[in-house]
């Protein structure tokens, strides 16, 4: 009977084999050291800093302030001044939402340039944004006070519908 007891595994061994023991995984996995988790907050800060660096002038704090003033001024009389300041310093914005705001300006050169930029961005937009852009351009084609902008809006609609 002594030989039989030696071949029979202990309860502890059975638990380890079935992974029921809480300590089984810790003891076995502890053999190799794990890397310390990386600081995700610091990684995010580095990524933001690199993004700002590659944006050039549009990645500065001054740009962010002027951009915020521009968006806050929409619908008021100050919007035209803020838009002129922004375009003079940074050119047209890169996002479709702000470009759509620029279609309300009563300047022919800005309106035409905005429509050209929207046509270039159209393919990279989400379906929802594409619908918004189409809708705003069609409204511009019907209601803008400057004929040159209305004609360009119609051309842009034909271009993006193809």
N, C-alpha and C. Protein backbone atom coordinates (compact mmCIF):
# COMPACT_ATOMS: atom_id res chain seq x y z
N UNK A 1 0.80 -1.16 0.00
CA UNK A 1 0.00 0.00 0.00
C UNK A 1 0.86 1.25 0.00
N UNK A 2 2.05 1.18 0.41
CA UNK A 2 2.95 2.32 0.43
C UNK A 2 3.26 2.80 -0.97
N UNK A 3 3.38 1.87 -1.95
CA UNK A 3 3.66 2.28 -3.33
C UNK A 3 2.46 3.00 -3.93
N UNK A 4 1.28 2.55 -3.56
CA UNK A 4 0.06 3.15 -4.08
C UNK A 4 -0.06 4.60 -3.61
N UNK A 5 0.29 4.89 -2.36
CA UNK A 5 0.20 6.25 -1.83
C UNK A 5 1.18 7.19 -2.52
N UNK A 6 2.32 6.69 -2.95
CA UNK A 6 3.33 7.52 -3.61
C UNK A 6 2.88 7.92 -5.01
N UNK A 7 2.14 7.05 -5.71
CA UNK A 7 1.68 7.36 -7.07
C UNK A 7 0.46 8.28 -7.07
N UNK A 8 -0.26 8.26 -6.01
CA UNK A 8 -1.48 9.05 -5.95
C UNK A 8 -1.12 10.52 -5.71
N UNK A 9 -1.60 11.46 -6.61
CA UNK A 9 -1.26 12.87 -6.41
C UNK A 9 -2.01 13.44 -5.20
N UNK A 10 -1.39 14.42 -4.60
CA UNK A 10 -2.03 15.05 -3.45
C UNK A 10 -3.13 15.98 -3.95
N UNK A 11 -3.96 16.40 -3.02
CA UNK A 11 -5.05 17.32 -3.39
C UNK A 11 -4.49 18.64 -3.92
N UNK A 12 -3.39 19.05 -3.36
CA UNK A 12 -2.76 20.30 -3.82
C UNK A 12 -2.34 20.18 -5.28
N UNK A 13 -1.78 19.08 -5.65
CA UNK A 13 -1.38 18.85 -7.03
C UNK A 13 -2.59 18.81 -7.95
N UNK A 14 -3.67 18.20 -7.50
CA UNK A 14 -4.89 18.17 -8.31
C UNK A 14 -5.43 19.58 -8.55
N UNK A 15 -5.40 20.39 -7.51
CA UNK A 15 -5.86 21.77 -7.67
C UNK A 15 -4.99 22.54 -8.66
N UNK A 16 -3.72 22.35 -8.57
CA UNK A 16 -2.82 23.04 -9.50
C UNK A 16 -3.06 22.59 -10.94
N UNK A 17 -3.30 21.33 -11.12
CA UNK A 17 -3.53 20.82 -12.47
C UNK A 17 -4.82 21.37 -13.06
N UNK A 18 -5.79 21.56 -12.26
CA UNK A 18 -7.09 22.06 -12.74
C UNK A 18 -7.19 23.59 -12.69
N UNK A 19 -6.12 24.25 -12.30
CA UNK A 19 -6.09 25.72 -12.20
C UNK A 19 -7.13 26.26 -11.23
N UNK A 20 -7.40 25.51 -10.19
CA UNK A 20 -8.38 25.97 -9.22
C UNK A 20 -7.71 26.71 -8.07
N UNK A 21 -6.44 26.54 -7.94
CA UNK A 21 -5.75 27.17 -6.84
C UNK A 21 -5.47 28.63 -7.20
N UNK A 22 -5.71 29.51 -6.28
CA UNK A 22 -5.46 30.93 -6.52
C UNK A 22 -3.96 31.21 -6.67
N UNK A 23 -3.18 30.42 -6.02
CA UNK A 23 -1.74 30.67 -6.01
C UNK A 23 -1.02 30.01 -7.17
N UNK A 24 -1.69 29.12 -7.86
CA UNK A 24 -1.05 28.37 -8.95
C UNK A 24 -0.57 29.30 -10.05
N UNK A 25 -1.44 30.16 -10.52
CA UNK A 25 -1.08 31.05 -11.60
C UNK A 25 -0.01 32.05 -11.20
N UNK A 26 -0.11 32.52 -9.99
CA UNK A 26 0.85 33.52 -9.53
C UNK A 26 2.23 32.92 -9.40
N UNK A 27 2.32 31.71 -8.91
CA UNK A 27 3.62 31.09 -8.71
C UNK A 27 4.27 30.75 -10.06
N UNK A 28 3.49 30.26 -10.97
CA UNK A 28 4.03 29.85 -12.25
C UNK A 28 4.38 31.06 -13.12
N UNK A 29 3.55 32.09 -13.11
CA UNK A 29 3.77 33.25 -13.96
C UNK A 29 4.82 34.18 -13.37
N UNK A 30 5.08 34.05 -12.10
CA UNK A 30 6.04 34.92 -11.44
C UNK A 30 7.47 34.64 -11.85
N UNK A 31 7.71 33.56 -12.58
CA UNK A 31 9.06 33.20 -12.97
C UNK A 31 9.66 34.26 -13.90
N UNK A 32 8.88 34.76 -14.84
CA UNK A 32 9.37 35.80 -15.75
C UNK A 32 8.86 37.15 -15.30
N UNK A 33 9.73 38.14 -15.28
CA UNK A 33 9.30 39.46 -14.83
C UNK A 33 8.53 40.16 -15.94
N UNK A 34 7.49 40.84 -15.55
CA UNK A 34 6.70 41.63 -16.49
C UNK A 34 7.27 43.04 -16.56
N UNK A 35 7.04 43.69 -17.70
CA UNK A 35 7.43 45.09 -17.81
C UNK A 35 6.43 45.93 -17.02
N UNK A 36 6.92 46.99 -16.49
CA UNK A 36 6.03 47.90 -15.77
C UNK A 36 5.08 48.54 -16.78
N UNK A 37 3.83 48.75 -16.39
CA UNK A 37 2.90 49.38 -17.34
C UNK A 37 3.39 50.79 -17.69
N UNK A 38 3.23 51.13 -18.96
CA UNK A 38 3.69 52.43 -19.41
C UNK A 38 2.69 53.50 -18.98
N UNK A 39 3.18 54.67 -18.81
CA UNK A 39 2.35 55.77 -18.36
C UNK A 39 1.56 56.30 -19.55
N UNK A 40 0.27 55.96 -19.62
CA UNK A 40 -0.56 56.35 -20.76
C UNK A 40 -0.78 57.86 -20.79
N UNK A 41 -0.83 58.48 -19.64
CA UNK A 41 -1.01 59.92 -19.60
C UNK A 41 0.17 60.62 -20.27
N UNK A 42 1.37 60.17 -19.94
CA UNK A 42 2.56 60.77 -20.53
C UNK A 42 2.62 60.49 -22.03
N UNK A 43 2.22 59.30 -22.45
CA UNK A 43 2.20 58.98 -23.87
C UNK A 43 1.23 59.90 -24.61
N UNK A 44 0.09 60.17 -24.01
CA UNK A 44 -0.88 61.07 -24.62
C UNK A 44 -0.33 62.48 -24.75
N UNK A 45 0.38 62.94 -23.75
CA UNK A 45 0.98 64.28 -23.80
C UNK A 45 2.03 64.36 -24.89
N UNK A 46 2.82 63.33 -25.04
CA UNK A 46 3.85 63.31 -26.07
C UNK A 46 3.20 63.30 -27.45
N UNK A 47 2.15 62.51 -27.60
CA UNK A 47 1.43 62.45 -28.88
C UNK A 47 0.84 63.81 -29.24
N UNK A 48 0.22 64.47 -28.26
CA UNK A 48 -0.35 65.80 -28.49
C UNK A 48 0.73 66.80 -28.88
N UNK A 49 1.87 66.73 -28.21
CA UNK A 49 2.97 67.65 -28.52
C UNK A 49 3.48 67.43 -29.94
N UNK A 50 3.60 66.18 -30.36
CA UNK A 50 4.03 65.88 -31.73
C UNK A 50 3.00 66.34 -32.75
N UNK A 51 1.73 66.13 -32.45
CA UNK A 51 0.67 66.60 -33.36
C UNK A 51 0.74 68.11 -33.53
N UNK A 52 0.92 68.81 -32.43
CA UNK A 52 1.02 70.27 -32.50
C UNK A 52 2.26 70.70 -33.28
N UNK A 53 3.35 69.98 -33.12
CA UNK A 53 4.58 70.32 -33.82
C UNK A 53 4.39 70.20 -35.33
N UNK A 54 3.71 69.14 -35.77
CA UNK A 54 3.51 68.93 -37.20
C UNK A 54 2.45 69.85 -37.79
N UNK A 55 1.61 70.43 -36.96
CA UNK A 55 0.60 71.37 -37.45
C UNK A 55 1.21 72.72 -37.80
N UNK A 56 2.38 73.02 -37.28
CA UNK A 56 3.02 74.30 -37.55
C UNK A 56 2.34 75.41 -36.78
N UNK A 57 2.00 76.51 -37.47
CA UNK A 57 1.37 77.65 -36.80
C UNK A 57 0.01 77.31 -36.22
N UNK A 58 -0.67 76.35 -36.81
CA UNK A 58 -2.01 75.99 -36.33
C UNK A 58 -1.95 75.12 -35.07
N UNK A 59 -0.77 74.80 -34.60
CA UNK A 59 -0.64 74.00 -33.40
C UNK A 59 -0.30 74.82 -32.16
N UNK A 60 -0.34 76.13 -32.28
CA UNK A 60 0.03 76.98 -31.16
C UNK A 60 -1.18 77.30 -30.27
N UNK A 61 -0.89 77.79 -29.10
CA UNK A 61 -1.94 78.19 -28.16
C UNK A 61 -2.67 79.42 -28.71
N UNK A 62 -1.93 80.31 -29.37
CA UNK A 62 -2.55 81.50 -29.97
C UNK A 62 -3.62 81.09 -30.99
N UNK A 63 -3.30 80.07 -31.77
CA UNK A 63 -4.26 79.58 -32.77
C UNK A 63 -5.51 79.07 -32.07
N UNK A 64 -5.32 78.31 -31.00
CA UNK A 64 -6.47 77.75 -30.28
C UNK A 64 -7.37 78.85 -29.73
N UNK A 65 -6.77 79.92 -29.23
CA UNK A 65 -7.56 81.03 -28.69
C UNK A 65 -8.34 81.73 -29.80
N UNK A 66 -7.67 82.00 -30.93
CA UNK A 66 -8.34 82.68 -32.03
C UNK A 66 -9.42 81.79 -32.63
N UNK A 67 -9.16 80.49 -32.68
CA UNK A 67 -10.14 79.52 -33.19
C UNK A 67 -11.38 79.50 -32.29
N UNK A 68 -11.16 79.52 -30.99
CA UNK A 68 -12.28 79.53 -30.04
C UNK A 68 -13.08 80.82 -30.17
N UNK A 69 -12.40 81.96 -30.31
CA UNK A 69 -13.10 83.23 -30.49
C UNK A 69 -13.93 83.20 -31.76
N UNK A 70 -13.36 82.63 -32.81
CA UNK A 70 -14.06 82.54 -34.09
C UNK A 70 -15.35 81.74 -33.95
N UNK A 71 -15.27 80.58 -33.33
CA UNK A 71 -16.46 79.74 -33.16
C UNK A 71 -17.48 80.36 -32.21
N UNK A 72 -17.01 81.06 -31.19
CA UNK A 72 -17.93 81.70 -30.26
C UNK A 72 -18.62 82.92 -30.87
N UNK A 73 -17.97 83.53 -31.85
CA UNK A 73 -18.53 84.74 -32.47
C UNK A 73 -19.54 84.42 -33.56
N UNK A 74 -19.68 83.16 -33.93
CA UNK A 74 -20.59 82.82 -35.02
C UNK A 74 -22.02 83.25 -34.67
N UNK A 75 -22.66 83.89 -35.63
CA UNK A 75 -24.02 84.36 -35.42
C UNK A 75 -24.10 85.78 -34.93
N UNK A 76 -22.95 86.37 -34.63
CA UNK A 76 -22.94 87.76 -34.17
C UNK A 76 -22.25 88.63 -35.22
N UNK A 77 -22.26 89.91 -34.98
CA UNK A 77 -21.62 90.84 -35.90
C UNK A 77 -20.10 90.72 -35.85
N UNK A 78 -19.56 90.20 -34.78
CA UNK A 78 -18.11 90.07 -34.62
C UNK A 78 -17.53 88.92 -35.43
N UNK A 79 -18.39 88.05 -35.94
CA UNK A 79 -17.89 86.87 -36.67
C UNK A 79 -17.09 87.28 -37.89
N UNK A 80 -17.54 88.27 -38.62
CA UNK A 80 -16.85 88.70 -39.83
C UNK A 80 -15.42 89.16 -39.50
N UNK A 81 -15.26 89.96 -38.43
CA UNK A 81 -13.94 90.43 -38.02
C UNK A 81 -13.05 89.27 -37.60
N UNK A 82 -13.61 88.36 -36.80
CA UNK A 82 -12.82 87.23 -36.33
C UNK A 82 -12.39 86.34 -37.50
N UNK A 83 -13.28 86.17 -38.46
CA UNK A 83 -12.95 85.35 -39.63
C UNK A 83 -11.84 86.00 -40.44
N UNK A 84 -11.90 87.31 -40.60
CA UNK A 84 -10.83 88.02 -41.33
C UNK A 84 -9.49 87.87 -40.62
N UNK A 85 -9.49 88.02 -39.29
CA UNK A 85 -8.26 87.86 -38.52
C UNK A 85 -7.70 86.45 -38.69
N UNK A 86 -8.59 85.47 -38.59
CA UNK A 86 -8.16 84.08 -38.68
C UNK A 86 -7.56 83.77 -40.05
N UNK A 87 -8.26 84.18 -41.10
CA UNK A 87 -7.80 83.89 -42.46
C UNK A 87 -6.49 84.63 -42.74
N UNK A 88 -6.36 85.87 -42.26
CA UNK A 88 -5.14 86.63 -42.48
C UNK A 88 -3.93 85.96 -41.82
N UNK A 89 -4.16 85.37 -40.65
CA UNK A 89 -3.03 84.80 -39.91
C UNK A 89 -2.77 83.33 -40.25
N UNK A 90 -3.82 82.54 -40.40
CA UNK A 90 -3.65 81.09 -40.56
C UNK A 90 -4.21 80.52 -41.85
N UNK A 91 -4.89 81.30 -42.63
CA UNK A 91 -5.54 80.77 -43.83
C UNK A 91 -6.87 80.14 -43.44
N UNK A 92 -7.44 79.38 -44.36
CA UNK A 92 -8.72 78.73 -44.08
C UNK A 92 -8.54 77.60 -43.07
N UNK A 93 -9.54 77.33 -42.26
CA UNK A 93 -9.45 76.22 -41.30
C UNK A 93 -9.40 74.87 -42.01
N UNK A 94 -8.98 73.85 -41.27
CA UNK A 94 -8.83 72.52 -41.86
C UNK A 94 -10.01 71.60 -41.59
N UNK A 95 -10.91 71.99 -40.72
CA UNK A 95 -12.04 71.11 -40.40
C UNK A 95 -13.30 71.58 -41.12
N UNK A 96 -14.12 70.60 -41.48
CA UNK A 96 -15.32 70.89 -42.27
C UNK A 96 -16.34 71.72 -41.51
N UNK A 97 -16.47 71.51 -40.22
CA UNK A 97 -17.48 72.24 -39.44
C UNK A 97 -17.22 73.74 -39.46
N UNK A 98 -15.97 74.14 -39.30
CA UNK A 98 -15.65 75.56 -39.32
C UNK A 98 -15.72 76.11 -40.74
N UNK A 99 -15.35 75.30 -41.72
CA UNK A 99 -15.47 75.74 -43.11
C UNK A 99 -16.92 76.04 -43.47
N UNK A 100 -17.83 75.25 -42.94
CA UNK A 100 -19.25 75.50 -43.21
C UNK A 100 -19.69 76.86 -42.66
N UNK A 101 -19.09 77.27 -41.55
CA UNK A 101 -19.41 78.59 -41.00
C UNK A 101 -18.93 79.70 -41.94
N UNK A 102 -17.82 79.47 -42.61
CA UNK A 102 -17.25 80.47 -43.50
C UNK A 102 -18.12 80.69 -44.74
N UNK A 103 -19.00 79.77 -45.05
CA UNK A 103 -19.87 79.96 -46.21
C UNK A 103 -20.89 81.07 -45.99
N UNK A 104 -21.09 81.48 -44.75
CA UNK A 104 -22.03 82.56 -44.46
C UNK A 104 -21.42 83.94 -44.64
N UNK A 105 -20.10 84.00 -44.85
CA UNK A 105 -19.45 85.30 -45.03
C UNK A 105 -19.83 85.90 -46.38
N UNK A 106 -19.84 87.20 -46.45
CA UNK A 106 -20.23 87.89 -47.67
C UNK A 106 -18.99 88.37 -48.45
N UNK A 107 -17.99 87.53 -48.55
CA UNK A 107 -16.78 87.83 -49.32
C UNK A 107 -16.64 86.77 -50.41
N UNK A 108 -16.52 87.22 -51.65
CA UNK A 108 -16.50 86.30 -52.79
C UNK A 108 -15.26 85.40 -52.76
N UNK A 109 -14.09 85.97 -52.51
CA UNK A 109 -12.87 85.18 -52.54
C UNK A 109 -12.85 84.12 -51.43
N UNK A 110 -13.30 84.49 -50.25
CA UNK A 110 -13.35 83.54 -49.14
C UNK A 110 -14.37 82.44 -49.41
N UNK A 111 -15.52 82.81 -49.96
CA UNK A 111 -16.56 81.82 -50.26
C UNK A 111 -16.11 80.80 -51.29
N UNK A 112 -15.46 81.27 -52.35
CA UNK A 112 -14.99 80.37 -53.41
C UNK A 112 -13.88 79.46 -52.88
N UNK A 113 -12.94 80.03 -52.13
CA UNK A 113 -11.85 79.23 -51.56
C UNK A 113 -12.38 78.19 -50.57
N UNK A 114 -13.39 78.56 -49.80
CA UNK A 114 -14.00 77.64 -48.85
C UNK A 114 -14.66 76.48 -49.58
N UNK A 115 -15.37 76.77 -50.65
CA UNK A 115 -16.03 75.71 -51.41
C UNK A 115 -15.01 74.77 -52.03
N UNK A 116 -13.90 75.30 -52.53
CA UNK A 116 -12.85 74.45 -53.09
C UNK A 116 -12.25 73.55 -52.02
N UNK A 117 -12.00 74.10 -50.86
CA UNK A 117 -11.43 73.30 -49.77
C UNK A 117 -12.41 72.22 -49.30
N UNK A 118 -13.69 72.56 -49.22
CA UNK A 118 -14.71 71.58 -48.83
C UNK A 118 -14.78 70.44 -49.85
N UNK A 119 -14.65 70.77 -51.12
CA UNK A 119 -14.68 69.73 -52.16
C UNK A 119 -13.49 68.79 -51.99
N UNK A 120 -12.33 69.33 -51.63
CA UNK A 120 -11.16 68.50 -51.41
C UNK A 120 -11.27 67.62 -50.18
N UNK A 121 -11.92 68.12 -49.14
CA UNK A 121 -12.07 67.36 -47.89
C UNK A 121 -13.22 66.36 -47.93
N UNK A 122 -14.11 66.50 -48.87
CA UNK A 122 -15.37 65.75 -48.89
C UNK A 122 -15.16 64.23 -48.78
N UNK A 123 -14.21 63.69 -49.49
CA UNK A 123 -13.99 62.24 -49.49
C UNK A 123 -13.55 61.68 -48.15
N UNK A 124 -12.89 62.49 -47.35
CA UNK A 124 -12.37 62.00 -46.06
C UNK A 124 -13.35 62.19 -44.91
N UNK A 125 -14.52 62.74 -45.19
CA UNK A 125 -15.50 63.00 -44.13
C UNK A 125 -16.37 61.77 -43.86
N UNK A 126 -16.96 61.74 -42.68
CA UNK A 126 -17.90 60.67 -42.34
C UNK A 126 -19.19 60.89 -43.13
N UNK A 127 -20.01 59.85 -43.28
CA UNK A 127 -21.27 60.02 -44.03
C UNK A 127 -22.16 61.13 -43.47
N UNK A 128 -22.21 61.27 -42.17
CA UNK A 128 -23.02 62.33 -41.55
C UNK A 128 -22.50 63.71 -41.94
N UNK A 129 -21.17 63.87 -41.88
CA UNK A 129 -20.57 65.15 -42.25
C UNK A 129 -20.76 65.43 -43.74
N UNK A 130 -20.71 64.37 -44.56
CA UNK A 130 -20.93 64.55 -45.99
C UNK A 130 -22.34 65.07 -46.26
N UNK A 131 -23.31 64.54 -45.55
CA UNK A 131 -24.69 65.03 -45.69
C UNK A 131 -24.79 66.51 -45.29
N UNK A 132 -24.13 66.86 -44.18
CA UNK A 132 -24.16 68.24 -43.73
C UNK A 132 -23.52 69.18 -44.75
N UNK A 133 -22.41 68.75 -45.32
CA UNK A 133 -21.72 69.57 -46.31
C UNK A 133 -22.59 69.75 -47.55
N UNK A 134 -23.19 68.67 -48.02
CA UNK A 134 -24.07 68.77 -49.20
C UNK A 134 -25.23 69.73 -48.93
N UNK A 135 -25.83 69.60 -47.77
CA UNK A 135 -26.97 70.43 -47.41
C UNK A 135 -26.58 71.90 -47.37
N UNK A 136 -25.46 72.21 -46.73
CA UNK A 136 -25.02 73.60 -46.60
C UNK A 136 -24.63 74.18 -47.96
N UNK A 137 -23.98 73.37 -48.79
CA UNK A 137 -23.59 73.87 -50.12
C UNK A 137 -24.83 74.11 -50.98
N UNK A 138 -25.83 73.25 -50.87
CA UNK A 138 -27.05 73.46 -51.65
C UNK A 138 -27.78 74.72 -51.19
N UNK A 139 -27.79 74.97 -49.89
CA UNK A 139 -28.40 76.19 -49.37
C UNK A 139 -27.62 77.41 -49.87
N UNK A 140 -26.29 77.29 -49.87
CA UNK A 140 -25.46 78.39 -50.36
C UNK A 140 -25.72 78.64 -51.84
N UNK A 141 -25.90 77.58 -52.62
CA UNK A 141 -26.16 77.72 -54.05
C UNK A 141 -27.48 78.44 -54.31
N UNK A 142 -28.42 78.30 -53.40
CA UNK A 142 -29.72 78.94 -53.60
C UNK A 142 -29.81 80.34 -53.01
N UNK A 143 -29.11 80.60 -51.90
CA UNK A 143 -29.41 81.81 -51.15
C UNK A 143 -28.27 82.82 -51.01
N UNK A 144 -27.05 82.47 -51.41
CA UNK A 144 -25.93 83.40 -51.19
C UNK A 144 -26.14 84.67 -52.01
N UNK A 145 -25.73 85.80 -51.46
CA UNK A 145 -25.96 87.09 -52.10
C UNK A 145 -25.02 87.35 -53.28
N UNK A 146 -23.87 86.69 -53.29
CA UNK A 146 -22.88 86.91 -54.35
C UNK A 146 -23.04 85.82 -55.40
N UNK A 147 -23.23 86.25 -56.65
CA UNK A 147 -23.50 85.32 -57.74
C UNK A 147 -22.33 84.37 -57.97
N UNK A 148 -21.12 84.87 -57.87
CA UNK A 148 -19.93 84.04 -58.09
C UNK A 148 -19.89 82.86 -57.11
N UNK A 149 -20.26 83.11 -55.89
CA UNK A 149 -20.27 82.05 -54.86
C UNK A 149 -21.40 81.06 -55.15
N UNK A 150 -22.56 81.57 -55.58
CA UNK A 150 -23.67 80.66 -55.92
C UNK A 150 -23.28 79.73 -57.06
N UNK A 151 -22.64 80.27 -58.09
CA UNK A 151 -22.22 79.46 -59.24
C UNK A 151 -21.20 78.41 -58.80
N UNK A 152 -20.22 78.82 -57.99
CA UNK A 152 -19.20 77.89 -57.50
C UNK A 152 -19.84 76.81 -56.62
N UNK A 153 -20.85 77.16 -55.85
CA UNK A 153 -21.54 76.18 -55.00
C UNK A 153 -22.24 75.14 -55.86
N UNK A 154 -22.88 75.58 -56.95
CA UNK A 154 -23.53 74.63 -57.85
C UNK A 154 -22.51 73.70 -58.50
N UNK A 155 -21.37 74.25 -58.91
CA UNK A 155 -20.30 73.43 -59.50
C UNK A 155 -19.77 72.42 -58.48
N UNK A 156 -19.62 72.87 -57.26
CA UNK A 156 -19.11 71.99 -56.19
C UNK A 156 -20.10 70.87 -55.91
N UNK A 157 -21.39 71.18 -55.90
CA UNK A 157 -22.41 70.14 -55.69
C UNK A 157 -22.34 69.09 -56.80
N UNK A 158 -22.19 69.52 -58.03
CA UNK A 158 -22.09 68.57 -59.14
C UNK A 158 -20.83 67.73 -59.01
N UNK A 159 -19.74 68.35 -58.57
CA UNK A 159 -18.47 67.64 -58.42
C UNK A 159 -18.55 66.56 -57.34
N UNK A 160 -19.16 66.88 -56.20
CA UNK A 160 -19.19 65.89 -55.11
C UNK A 160 -20.27 64.85 -55.30
N UNK A 161 -21.26 65.12 -56.12
CA UNK A 161 -22.32 64.12 -56.39
C UNK A 161 -21.88 63.08 -57.41
N UNK A 162 -20.84 63.35 -58.17
CA UNK A 162 -20.38 62.40 -59.18
C UNK A 162 -19.65 61.24 -58.61
